[in-house]
Amino acid sequence: MVQTGLRISETLALDWSDIDLENGCVNVRRTISTEKIEGLPKQPKFEFFNPKTNAGFRETPIIDSGLQRTLSELKSKRSSEL
């Protein structure tokens, strides 16, 4: 997500519950990785993890109003499909 300061692995790990459109912010609570753990024969293609440090858990503002509008439209569309 442009202009949020999120890493790619944090952005890919986002869920709709992490995006607060009312307050215009994103809550970073996890990251995603494709790293394989040595010694485990069968592993998922990707796995969710907590951020490496406590500073990784954070709330970051959505400063781009266009992005906030787009996310709002996507969330509404997604809700109507369910």
Protein backbone atom coordinates (compact mmCIF):
# COMPACT_ATOMS: atom_id res chain seq x y z
CA MET A 1 0.00 0.00 0.00
CA VAL A 2 1.57 3.16 -1.22
CA GLN A 3 2.44 5.87 1.31
CA THR A 4 1.61 3.79 4.39
CA GLY A 5 5.16 2.68 5.20
CA LEU A 6 4.11 -0.98 5.27
CA ARG A 7 6.48 -3.66 4.09
CA ILE A 8 5.29 -5.97 1.33
CA SER A 9 5.02 -8.88 3.79
CA GLU A 10 2.86 -6.74 6.11
CA THR A 11 0.62 -5.57 3.29
CA LEU A 12 0.05 -9.12 2.02
CA ALA A 13 -0.86 -10.26 5.55
CA LEU A 14 -3.61 -7.64 5.99
CA ASP A 15 -7.19 -8.65 6.58
CA TRP A 16 -10.23 -6.37 6.34
CA SER A 17 -10.37 -6.34 10.14
CA ASP A 18 -6.96 -4.61 10.12
CA ILE A 19 -8.22 -1.67 8.05
CA ASP A 20 -10.09 1.03 9.99
CA LEU A 21 -11.72 3.18 7.34
CA GLU A 22 -13.63 5.33 9.85
CA ASN A 23 -10.41 6.52 11.47
CA GLY A 24 -8.30 6.22 8.30
CA CYS A 25 -5.65 3.85 9.61
CA VAL A 26 -4.21 0.37 9.16
CA ASN A 27 -3.34 -1.89 12.11
CA VAL A 28 -0.25 -4.03 11.52
CA ARG A 29 -0.60 -7.24 13.53
CA ARG A 30 1.12 -9.89 11.42
CA THR A 31 3.42 -10.54 8.51
CA ILE A 32 3.55 -13.29 5.90
CA SER A 33 6.56 -15.33 4.87
CA THR A 34 7.42 -18.03 2.37
CA GLU A 35 10.55 -19.10 4.25
CA LYS A 36 10.91 -22.81 4.82
CA ILE A 37 11.74 -24.09 8.27
CA GLU A 38 14.62 -26.53 8.14
CA GLY A 39 13.71 -30.07 9.17
CA LEU A 40 9.98 -29.87 8.45
CA PRO A 41 9.18 -32.03 5.41
CA LYS A 42 5.69 -30.77 4.50
CA GLN A 43 5.13 -27.06 4.88
CA PRO A 44 2.55 -24.58 3.65
CA LYS A 45 3.55 -22.33 0.77
CA PHE A 46 3.24 -19.34 3.10
CA GLU A 47 2.69 -18.75 6.79
CA PHE A 48 1.57 -15.85 8.99
CA PHE A 49 3.84 -14.66 11.80
CA ASN A 50 3.81 -11.95 14.44
CA PRO A 51 6.11 -9.02 13.69
CA LYS A 52 9.69 -9.62 14.84
CA THR A 53 9.62 -6.83 17.46
CA ASN A 54 6.96 -5.04 19.52
CA ALA A 55 7.56 -1.94 17.38
CA GLY A 56 6.28 -3.99 14.43
CA PHE A 57 2.80 -3.95 15.98
CA ARG A 58 1.57 -0.50 15.00
CA GLU A 59 -1.17 1.67 13.63
CA THR A 60 -0.30 3.66 10.55
CA PRO A 61 -2.46 6.36 8.93
CA ILE A 62 -3.90 6.12 5.43
CA ILE A 63 -2.92 9.57 4.18
CA ASP A 64 -4.04 9.12 0.57
CA SER A 65 -7.77 9.94 0.33
CA GLY A 66 -7.94 8.13 -3.02
CA LEU A 67 -6.63 4.95 -1.42
CA GLN A 68 -9.10 5.29 1.45
CA ARG A 69 -11.98 5.75 -1.01
CA THR A 70 -10.85 2.75 -3.08
CA LEU A 71 -10.55 0.54 0.01
CA SER A 72 -14.01 1.64 1.13
CA GLU A 73 -15.49 0.73 -2.26
CA LEU A 74 -13.73 -2.67 -2.28
CA LYS A 75 -14.90 -3.44 1.23
CA SER A 76 -18.51 -2.54 0.35
CA LYS A 77 -18.36 -4.66 -2.80
CA ARG A 78 -16.86 -7.59 -0.87
CA SER A 79 -19.56 -7.34 1.83
CA SER A 80 -22.35 -7.37 -0.76
CA GLU A 81 -20.89 -10.51 -2.38
CA LEU A 82 -20.97 -12.47 0.88
